[in-house]
Amino acid sequence: MTGKELLYVEDALGHIKHFKTLCANYANTLEDPTLKAFVEELSKKNATLEQRFISILGGTTHGR
């Protein structure tokens, strides 16, 4: 993998982690049960996406 490709992968993982964290944080502030469940599901899907991404890369993310 080239350095540029690695930077792209690290950037993509950073975005996935950030969105996962945002969803988890916002879910804790929501009162509407339907909306809360939806946002929690978004957080879970991003966690799954993050793990799949890492497993495709062989489990290493250079400090991430």
PDB file of N, CA and C in Angstrom:
ATOM      1  N   MET A   1       0.849  -1.161   0.000  1.00  0.00           N
ATOM      2  CA  MET A   1       0.000   0.000   0.000  1.00  0.00           C
ATOM      3  C   MET A   1       0.904   1.236   0.000  1.00  0.00           C
ATOM      4  N   THR A   2       0.557   2.177  -0.835  1.00  0.00           N
ATOM      5  CA  THR A   2       1.362   3.400  -0.911  1.00  0.00           C
ATOM      6  C   THR A   2       1.065   4.293   0.295  1.00  0.00           C
ATOM      7  N   GLY A   3       1.926   5.254   0.505  1.00  0.00           N
ATOM      8  CA  GLY A   3       1.717   6.198   1.591  1.00  0.00           C
ATOM      9  C   GLY A   3       0.428   6.977   1.437  1.00  0.00           C
ATOM     10  N   LYS A   4       0.117   7.340   0.199  1.00  0.00           N
ATOM     11  CA  LYS A   4      -1.112   8.088  -0.066  1.00  0.00           C
ATOM     12  C   LYS A   4      -2.345   7.233   0.226  1.00  0.00           C
ATOM     13  N   GLU A   5      -2.292   5.963  -0.141  1.00  0.00           N
ATOM     14  CA  GLU A   5      -3.405   5.059   0.141  1.00  0.00           C
ATOM     15  C   GLU A   5      -3.576   4.868   1.646  1.00  0.00           C
ATOM     16  N   LEU A   6      -2.465   4.743   2.350  1.00  0.00           N
ATOM     17  CA  LEU A   6      -2.527   4.593   3.796  1.00  0.00           C
ATOM     18  C   LEU A   6      -3.151   5.820   4.452  1.00  0.00           C
ATOM     19  N   LEU A   7      -2.787   7.000   3.980  1.00  0.00           N
ATOM     20  CA  LEU A   7      -3.392   8.220   4.510  1.00  0.00           C
ATOM     21  C   LEU A   7      -4.899   8.245   4.269  1.00  0.00           C
ATOM     22  N   TYR A   8      -5.320   7.788   3.096  1.00  0.00           N
ATOM     23  CA  TYR A   8      -6.744   7.733   2.787  1.00  0.00           C
ATOM     24  C   TYR A   8      -7.463   6.790   3.740  1.00  0.00           C
ATOM     25  N   VAL A   9      -6.885   5.610   3.962  1.00  0.00           N
ATOM     26  CA  VAL A   9      -7.491   4.612   4.852  1.00  0.00           C
ATOM     27  C   VAL A   9      -7.573   5.161   6.276  1.00  0.00           C
ATOM     28  N   GLU A  10      -6.503   5.778   6.747  1.00  0.00           N
ATOM     29  CA  GLU A  10      -6.516   6.347   8.095  1.00  0.00           C
ATOM     30  C   GLU A  10      -7.556   7.456   8.209  1.00  0.00           C
ATOM     31  N   ASP A  11      -7.699   8.262   7.180  1.00  0.00           N
ATOM     32  CA  ASP A  11      -8.691   9.325   7.173  1.00  0.00           C
ATOM     33  C   ASP A  11     -10.107   8.746   7.215  1.00  0.00           C
ATOM     34  N   ALA A  12     -10.345   7.737   6.404  1.00  0.00           N
ATOM     35  CA  ALA A  12     -11.666   7.101   6.382  1.00  0.00           C
ATOM     36  C   ALA A  12     -11.998   6.491   7.736  1.00  0.00           C
ATOM     37  N   LEU A  13     -11.046   5.809   8.350  1.00  0.00           N
ATOM     38  CA  LEU A  13     -11.272   5.236   9.675  1.00  0.00           C
ATOM     39  C   LEU A  13     -11.545   6.327  10.706  1.00  0.00           C
ATOM     40  N   GLY A  14     -10.840   7.421  10.598  1.00  0.00           N
ATOM     41  CA  GLY A  14     -11.072   8.536  11.511  1.00  0.00           C
ATOM     42  C   GLY A  14     -12.486   9.080  11.397  1.00  0.00           C
ATOM     43  N   HIS A  15     -12.989   9.184  10.174  1.00  0.00           N
ATOM     44  CA  HIS A  15     -14.357   9.661   9.956  1.00  0.00           C
ATOM     45  C   HIS A  15     -15.377   8.670  10.523  1.00  0.00           C
ATOM     46  N   ILE A  16     -15.135   7.390  10.315  1.00  0.00           N
ATOM     47  CA  ILE A  16     -16.043   6.364  10.841  1.00  0.00           C
ATOM     48  C   ILE A  16     -16.091   6.443  12.366  1.00  0.00           C
ATOM     49  N   LYS A  17     -14.923   6.510  13.001  1.00  0.00           N
ATOM     50  CA  LYS A  17     -14.867   6.582  14.465  1.00  0.00           C
ATOM     51  C   LYS A  17     -15.547   7.846  14.983  1.00  0.00           C
ATOM     52  N   HIS A  18     -15.309   8.960  14.310  1.00  0.00           N
ATOM     53  CA  HIS A  18     -15.904  10.229  14.739  1.00  0.00           C
ATOM     54  C   HIS A  18     -17.426  10.165  14.664  1.00  0.00           C
ATOM     55  N   PHE A  19     -17.960   9.655  13.565  1.00  0.00           N
ATOM     56  CA  PHE A  19     -19.409   9.567  13.413  1.00  0.00           C
ATOM     57  C   PHE A  19     -20.003   8.603  14.431  1.00  0.00           C
ATOM     58  N   LYS A  20     -19.304   7.493  14.699  1.00  0.00           N
ATOM     59  CA  LYS A  20     -19.763   6.533  15.699  1.00  0.00           C
ATOM     60  C   LYS A  20     -19.866   7.200  17.067  1.00  0.00           C
ATOM     61  N   THR A  21     -18.849   7.972  17.424  1.00  0.00           N
ATOM     62  CA  THR A  21     -18.835   8.663  18.710  1.00  0.00           C
ATOM     63  C   THR A  21     -19.931   9.727  18.786  1.00  0.00           C
ATOM     64  N   LEU A  22     -20.089  10.495  17.711  1.00  0.00           N
ATOM     65  CA  LEU A  22     -21.146  11.508  17.685  1.00  0.00           C
ATOM     66  C   LEU A  22     -22.519  10.874  17.885  1.00  0.00           C
ATOM     67  N   CYS A  23     -22.780   9.798  17.179  1.00  0.00           N
ATOM     68  CA  CYS A  23     -24.080   9.133  17.300  1.00  0.00           C
ATOM     69  C   CYS A  23     -24.308   8.621  18.719  1.00  0.00           C
ATOM     70  N   ALA A  24     -23.294   8.001  19.304  1.00  0.00           N
ATOM     71  CA  ALA A  24     -23.420   7.487  20.669  1.00  0.00           C
ATOM     72  C   ALA A  24     -23.687   8.627  21.649  1.00  0.00           C
ATOM     73  N   ASN A  25     -22.977   9.730  21.490  1.00  0.00           N
ATOM     74  CA  ASN A  25     -23.169  10.879  22.387  1.00  0.00           C
ATOM     75  C   ASN A  25     -24.552  11.496  22.226  1.00  0.00           C
ATOM     76  N   TYR A  26     -24.992  11.685  20.991  1.00  0.00           N
ATOM     77  CA  TYR A  26     -26.302  12.275  20.761  1.00  0.00           C
ATOM     78  C   TYR A  26     -27.426  11.351  21.214  1.00  0.00           C
ATOM     79  N   ALA A  27     -27.246  10.061  21.069  1.00  0.00           N
ATOM     80  CA  ALA A  27     -28.272   9.122  21.501  1.00  0.00           C
ATOM     81  C   ALA A  27     -28.528   9.268  23.002  1.00  0.00           C
ATOM     82  N   ASN A  28     -27.479   9.565  23.753  1.00  0.00           N
ATOM     83  CA  ASN A  28     -27.634   9.730  25.195  1.00  0.00           C
ATOM     84  C   ASN A  28     -28.412  10.981  25.573  1.00  0.00           C
ATOM     85  N   THR A  29     -28.532  11.926  24.657  1.00  0.00           N
ATOM     86  CA  THR A  29     -29.241  13.170  24.962  1.00  0.00           C
ATOM     87  C   THR A  29     -30.676  13.174  24.436  1.00  0.00           C
ATOM     88  N   LEU A  30     -31.018  12.218  23.611  1.00  0.00           N
ATOM     89  CA  LEU A  30     -32.349  12.201  22.993  1.00  0.00           C
ATOM     90  C   LEU A  30     -33.401  11.624  23.943  1.00  0.00           C
ATOM     91  N   GLU A  31     -34.583  12.206  23.897  1.00  0.00           N
ATOM     92  CA  GLU A  31     -35.685  11.731  24.719  1.00  0.00           C
ATOM     93  C   GLU A  31     -36.679  10.902  23.915  1.00  0.00           C
ATOM     94  N   ASP A  32     -36.839  11.210  22.640  1.00  0.00           N
ATOM     95  CA  ASP A  32     -37.768  10.458  21.801  1.00  0.00           C
ATOM     96  C   ASP A  32     -37.224   9.043  21.599  1.00  0.00           C
ATOM     97  N   PRO A  33     -37.965   8.008  22.042  1.00  0.00           N
ATOM     98  CA  PRO A  33     -37.442   6.642  21.971  1.00  0.00           C
ATOM     99  C   PRO A  33     -37.176   6.147  20.547  1.00  0.00           C
ATOM    100  N   THR A  34     -37.992   6.558  19.594  1.00  0.00           N
ATOM    101  CA  THR A  34     -37.794   6.121  18.209  1.00  0.00           C
ATOM    102  C   THR A  34     -36.530   6.739  17.631  1.00  0.00           C
ATOM    103  N   LEU A  35     -36.362   8.022  17.833  1.00  0.00           N
ATOM    104  CA  LEU A  35     -35.175   8.709  17.330  1.00  0.00           C
ATOM    105  C   LEU A  35     -33.919   8.203  18.040  1.00  0.00           C
ATOM    106  N   LYS A  36     -34.023   7.998  19.345  1.00  0.00           N
ATOM    107  CA  LYS A  36     -32.893   7.490  20.122  1.00  0.00           C
ATOM    108  C   LYS A  36     -32.458   6.122  19.595  1.00  0.00           C
ATOM    109  N   ALA A  37     -33.414   5.235  19.344  1.00  0.00           N
ATOM    110  CA  ALA A  37     -33.109   3.895  18.827  1.00  0.00           C
ATOM    111  C   ALA A  37     -32.455   3.983  17.448  1.00  0.00           C
ATOM    112  N   PHE A  38     -32.939   4.900  16.620  1.00  0.00           N
ATOM    113  CA  PHE A  38     -32.375   5.078  15.288  1.00  0.00           C
ATOM    114  C   PHE A  38     -30.915   5.525  15.365  1.00  0.00           C
ATOM    115  N   VAL A  39     -30.627   6.505  16.203  1.00  0.00           N
ATOM    116  CA  VAL A  39     -29.268   7.031  16.324  1.00  0.00           C
ATOM    117  C   VAL A  39     -28.348   5.985  16.963  1.00  0.00           C
ATOM    118  N   GLU A  40     -28.866   5.227  17.933  1.00  0.00           N
ATOM    119  CA  GLU A  40     -28.068   4.146  18.520  1.00  0.00           C
ATOM    120  C   GLU A  40     -27.722   3.102  17.472  1.00  0.00           C
ATOM    121  N   GLU A  41     -28.666   2.809  16.593  1.00  0.00           N
ATOM    122  CA  GLU A  41     -28.415   1.849  15.515  1.00  0.00           C
ATOM    123  C   GLU A  41     -27.352   2.377  14.551  1.00  0.00           C
ATOM    124  N   LEU A  42     -27.381   3.668  14.261  1.00  0.00           N
ATOM    125  CA  LEU A  42     -26.334   4.262  13.425  1.00  0.00           C
ATOM    126  C   LEU A  42     -24.963   4.084  14.069  1.00  0.00           C
ATOM    127  N   SER A  43     -24.891   4.285  15.370  1.00  0.00           N
ATOM    128  CA  SER A  43     -23.625   4.116  16.082  1.00  0.00           C
ATOM    129  C   SER A  43     -23.143   2.664  15.993  1.00  0.00           C
ATOM    130  N   LYS A  44     -24.059   1.720  16.177  1.00  0.00           N
ATOM    131  CA  LYS A  44     -23.699   0.295  16.094  1.00  0.00           C
ATOM    132  C   LYS A  44     -23.237  -0.078  14.686  1.00  0.00           C
ATOM    133  N   LYS A  45     -23.919   0.445  13.677  1.00  0.00           N
ATOM    134  CA  LYS A  45     -23.535   0.143  12.298  1.00  0.00           C
ATOM    135  C   LYS A  45     -22.148   0.697  11.983  1.00  0.00           C
ATOM    136  N   ASN A  46     -21.829   1.862  12.521  1.00  0.00           N
ATOM    137  CA  ASN A  46     -20.501   2.424  12.304  1.00  0.00           C
ATOM    138  C   ASN A  46     -19.442   1.629  13.043  1.00  0.00           C
ATOM    139  N   ALA A  47     -19.775   1.105  14.220  1.00  0.00           N
ATOM    140  CA  ALA A  47     -18.831   0.249  14.947  1.00  0.00           C
ATOM    141  C   ALA A  47     -18.550  -1.021  14.142  1.00  0.00           C
ATOM    142  N   THR A  48     -19.598  -1.587  13.551  1.00  0.00           N
ATOM    143  CA  THR A  48     -19.443  -2.779  12.714  1.00  0.00           C
ATOM    144  C   THR A  48     -18.602  -2.454  11.478  1.00  0.00           C
ATOM    145  N   LEU A  49     -18.887  -1.331  10.852  1.00  0.00           N
ATOM    146  CA  LEU A  49     -18.125  -0.902   9.678  1.00  0.00           C
ATOM    147  C   LEU A  49     -16.654  -0.718  10.030  1.00  0.00           C
ATOM    148  N   GLU A  50     -16.398  -0.103  11.172  1.00  0.00           N
ATOM    149  CA  GLU A  50     -15.026   0.109  11.625  1.00  0.00           C
ATOM    150  C   GLU A  50     -14.300  -1.229  11.797  1.00  0.00           C
ATOM    151  N   GLN A  51     -14.952  -2.193  12.450  1.00  0.00           N
ATOM    152  CA  GLN A  51     -14.332  -3.499  12.664  1.00  0.00           C
ATOM    153  C   GLN A  51     -14.096  -4.243  11.351  1.00  0.00           C
ATOM    154  N   ARG A  52     -15.045  -4.149  10.435  1.00  0.00           N
ATOM    155  CA  ARG A  52     -14.874  -4.795   9.130  1.00  0.00           C
ATOM    156  C   ARG A  52     -13.714  -4.177   8.369  1.00  0.00           C
ATOM    157  N   PHE A  53     -13.631  -2.885   8.421  1.00  0.00           N
ATOM    158  CA  PHE A  53     -12.558  -2.157   7.747  1.00  0.00           C
ATOM    159  C   PHE A  53     -11.208  -2.608   8.308  1.00  0.00           C
ATOM    160  N   ILE A  54     -11.100  -2.665   9.628  1.00  0.00           N
ATOM    161  CA  ILE A  54      -9.852  -3.071  10.275  1.00  0.00           C
ATOM    162  C   ILE A  54      -9.515  -4.519   9.943  1.00  0.00           C
ATOM    163  N   SER A  55     -10.507  -5.393   9.934  1.00  0.00           N
ATOM    164  CA  SER A  55     -10.226  -6.804   9.622  1.00  0.00           C
ATOM    165  C   SER A  55      -9.760  -6.975   8.181  1.00  0.00           C
ATOM    166  N   ILE A  56     -10.284  -6.164   7.273  1.00  0.00           N
ATOM    167  CA  ILE A  56      -9.834  -6.217   5.881  1.00  0.00           C
ATOM    168  C   ILE A  56      -8.369  -5.801   5.785  1.00  0.00           C
ATOM    169  N   LEU A  57      -7.985  -4.858   6.628  1.00  0.00           N
ATOM    170  CA  LEU A  57      -6.617  -4.358   6.623  1.00  0.00           C
ATOM    171  C   LEU A  57      -5.655  -5.276   7.363  1.00  0.00           C
ATOM    172  N   GLY A  58      -6.156  -6.331   7.948  1.00  0.00           N
ATOM    173  CA  GLY A  58      -5.308  -7.266   8.657  1.00  0.00           C
ATOM    174  C   GLY A  58      -5.145  -6.957  10.131  1.00  0.00           C
ATOM    175  N   GLY A  59      -5.999  -6.086  10.664  1.00  0.00           N
ATOM    176  CA  GLY A  59      -6.006  -5.829  12.090  1.00  0.00           C
ATOM    177  C   GLY A  59      -5.061  -4.758  12.575  1.00  0.00           C
ATOM    178  N   THR A  60      -4.340  -4.102  11.667  1.00  0.00           N
ATOM    179  CA  THR A  60      -3.442  -3.033  12.109  1.00  0.00           C
ATOM    180  C   THR A  60      -3.893  -1.706  11.525  1.00  0.00           C
ATOM    181  N   THR A  61      -3.819  -0.662  12.348  1.00  0.00           N
ATOM    182  CA  THR A  61      -4.224   0.663  11.887  1.00  0.00           C
ATOM    183  C   THR A  61      -3.223   1.735  12.260  1.00  0.00           C
ATOM    184  N   HIS A  62      -1.989   1.385  12.535  1.00  0.00           N
ATOM    185  CA  HIS A  62      -0.934   2.357  12.812  1.00  0.00           C
ATOM    186  C   HIS A  62      -1.338   3.400  13.845  1.00  0.00           C
ATOM    187  N   GLY A  63      -1.662   2.916  15.070  1.00  0.00           N
ATOM    188  CA  GLY A  63      -1.949   3.823  16.163  1.00  0.00           C
ATOM    189  C   GLY A  63      -3.373   4.277  16.288  1.00  0.00           C
ATOM    190  N   ARG A  64      -4.242   3.822  15.460  1.00  0.00           N
ATOM    191  CA  ARG A  64      -5.656   4.225  15.544  1.00  0.00           C
ATOM    192  C   ARG A  64      -6.449   3.137  16.192  1.00  0.00           C
TER     193      ARG A  64
END
